[in-house]
């Protein structure tokens, strides 16, 4: 499972059972304050889909320093570990949303439709890069 953590939307992507491909699965919306329902939903997906690895995007700053978003993502990962028993693998996610936007633009998906799926595509990129490293 790949997770593109955001302060309003959390993209979730899943790999196939052979760890070859990744596909967007769901965008979990939350209010940026109380992450309880978002965590519960992601834990539910992990259980239903028999997830064995969670790859959590780490939103580092371009200069490599720790951002507020990165600290929140790491705290989210700790809570997710408590719910699932799985230690999230942190993966640098700098530019994944930009790459996802370009990919969607290249296949002529309009901006309005992009908003609904861009976080899932970013999560696909996160999990795809992880899969590539572990082949």
Protein backbone atom coordinates (compact mmCIF):
# COMPACT_ATOMS: atom_id res chain seq x y z
CA UNK A 1 0.00 0.00 0.00
CA UNK A 2 1.28 3.43 -0.91
CA UNK A 3 0.08 6.53 0.92
CA UNK A 4 0.40 10.10 -0.28
CA UNK A 5 -0.19 12.01 2.95
CA UNK A 6 -1.76 15.44 2.69
CA UNK A 7 -3.41 17.84 5.08
CA UNK A 8 -6.79 17.54 3.32
CA UNK A 9 -6.54 14.46 1.13
CA UNK A 10 -4.67 11.19 1.54
CA UNK A 11 -4.10 9.20 -1.62
CA UNK A 12 -4.08 5.42 -1.30
CA UNK A 13 -2.70 3.05 -3.94
CA UNK A 14 -2.30 -0.69 -3.86
CA UNK A 15 0.05 -3.02 -5.67
CA UNK A 16 -1.04 -6.27 -7.17
CA UNK A 17 -0.27 -9.48 -5.26
CA UNK A 18 2.92 -10.08 -7.28
CA UNK A 19 4.25 -6.58 -6.49
CA UNK A 20 4.50 -5.68 -10.17
CA UNK A 21 2.03 -2.86 -10.69
CA UNK A 22 0.34 -0.21 -8.59
CA UNK A 23 -3.08 1.34 -9.00
CA UNK A 24 -4.85 4.18 -7.26
CA UNK A 25 -7.44 2.85 -4.88
CA UNK A 26 -9.05 5.68 -2.92
CA UNK A 27 -8.69 9.25 -1.77
CA UNK A 28 -9.42 9.59 1.93
CA UNK A 29 -10.57 13.08 2.86
CA UNK A 30 -10.11 14.59 6.29
CA UNK A 31 -10.20 17.97 7.99
CA UNK A 32 -6.48 18.34 8.67
CA UNK A 33 -7.06 18.26 12.44
CA UNK A 34 -8.67 15.02 13.61
CA UNK A 35 -7.18 12.11 11.68
CA UNK A 36 -9.12 9.37 13.50
CA UNK A 37 -11.54 8.52 10.68
CA UNK A 38 -8.81 8.70 8.03
CA UNK A 39 -6.61 6.35 10.04
CA UNK A 40 -9.49 3.95 10.63
CA UNK A 41 -10.36 3.89 6.92
CA UNK A 42 -6.77 3.24 5.85
CA UNK A 43 -6.39 0.51 8.48
CA UNK A 44 -9.64 -1.03 7.22
CA UNK A 45 -8.32 -1.05 3.63
CA UNK A 46 -5.04 -2.59 4.81
CA UNK A 47 -6.91 -5.38 6.57
CA UNK A 48 -9.40 -6.01 3.74
CA UNK A 49 -6.65 -6.13 1.11
CA UNK A 50 -4.18 -8.14 3.23
CA UNK A 51 -1.54 -5.42 3.01
CA UNK A 52 1.89 -6.54 4.18
CA UNK A 53 3.85 -3.31 3.56
CA UNK A 54 2.77 0.31 3.91
CA UNK A 55 4.90 2.86 2.06
CA UNK A 56 4.21 6.31 3.45
CA UNK A 57 5.24 9.36 1.49
CA UNK A 58 7.51 11.64 3.48
CA UNK A 59 7.00 15.26 2.36
CA UNK A 60 10.51 16.61 2.88
CA UNK A 61 11.52 20.10 1.89
CA UNK A 62 13.58 20.42 -1.27
CA UNK A 63 16.61 21.40 0.83
CA UNK A 64 16.25 18.16 2.82
CA UNK A 65 15.25 19.85 6.07
CA UNK A 66 12.32 18.54 8.09
CA UNK A 67 9.03 20.26 7.34
CA UNK A 68 5.92 20.54 9.47
CA UNK A 69 4.14 18.33 6.95
CA UNK A 70 6.85 15.70 7.31
CA UNK A 71 6.48 15.69 11.09
CA UNK A 72 2.70 15.29 10.74
CA UNK A 73 3.15 12.46 8.22
CA UNK A 74 5.54 10.67 10.58
CA UNK A 75 3.08 11.05 13.47
CA UNK A 76 0.34 9.73 11.18
CA UNK A 77 2.59 6.76 10.36
CA UNK A 78 3.08 5.99 14.05
CA UNK A 79 -0.67 5.99 14.64
CA UNK A 80 -1.16 3.80 11.57
CA UNK A 81 1.41 1.36 12.96
CA UNK A 82 -0.59 1.13 16.20
CA UNK A 83 -3.75 0.30 14.24
CA UNK A 84 -2.26 -2.13 11.71
CA UNK A 85 0.84 -3.56 13.37
CA UNK A 86 2.78 -2.59 10.24
CA UNK A 87 5.77 -0.26 10.46
CA UNK A 88 5.39 2.20 7.58
CA UNK A 89 8.35 2.47 5.24
CA UNK A 90 9.05 6.19 4.75
CA UNK A 91 9.69 7.19 1.14
CA UNK A 92 10.72 10.61 -0.10
CA UNK A 93 7.74 11.98 -1.97
CA UNK A 94 9.12 15.30 -3.16
CA UNK A 95 7.61 16.18 -6.53
CA UNK A 96 5.23 13.19 -6.70
CA UNK A 97 2.18 15.46 -6.96
CA UNK A 98 3.88 17.51 -9.70
CA UNK A 99 4.77 14.32 -11.58
CA UNK A 100 1.22 13.00 -11.11
CA UNK A 101 -0.23 16.26 -12.45
CA UNK A 102 2.00 16.10 -15.53
CA UNK A 103 1.06 12.47 -16.13
CA UNK A 104 -2.65 13.27 -15.91
CA UNK A 105 -2.23 16.31 -18.15
CA UNK A 106 -0.34 14.21 -20.71
CA UNK A 107 -3.29 11.83 -20.99
CA UNK A 108 -5.69 14.78 -21.37
CA UNK A 109 -7.43 14.54 -18.02
CA UNK A 110 -8.92 17.92 -17.26
CA UNK A 111 -7.94 19.84 -14.12
CA UNK A 112 -11.37 19.38 -12.50
CA UNK A 113 -11.13 15.58 -12.79
CA UNK A 114 -7.45 15.65 -11.73
CA UNK A 115 -8.41 17.05 -8.33
CA UNK A 116 -10.37 13.89 -7.55
CA UNK A 117 -7.56 11.45 -8.39
CA UNK A 118 -4.24 13.27 -8.19
CA UNK A 119 -3.50 12.06 -4.66
CA UNK A 120 -4.14 8.46 -5.73
CA UNK A 121 -1.76 8.88 -8.68
CA UNK A 122 0.88 10.36 -6.36
CA UNK A 123 0.40 7.32 -4.08
CA UNK A 124 0.83 5.08 -7.16
CA UNK A 125 4.16 6.76 -7.86
CA UNK A 126 5.27 6.26 -4.24
CA UNK A 127 4.44 2.55 -4.22
CA UNK A 128 5.74 2.01 -7.78
CA UNK A 129 9.14 3.47 -6.84
CA UNK A 130 9.22 1.20 -3.80
CA UNK A 131 8.36 -1.85 -5.90
CA UNK A 132 11.05 -0.94 -8.42
CA UNK A 133 13.67 -0.79 -5.66
CA UNK A 134 12.67 -4.23 -4.39
CA UNK A 135 12.70 -6.20 -7.63
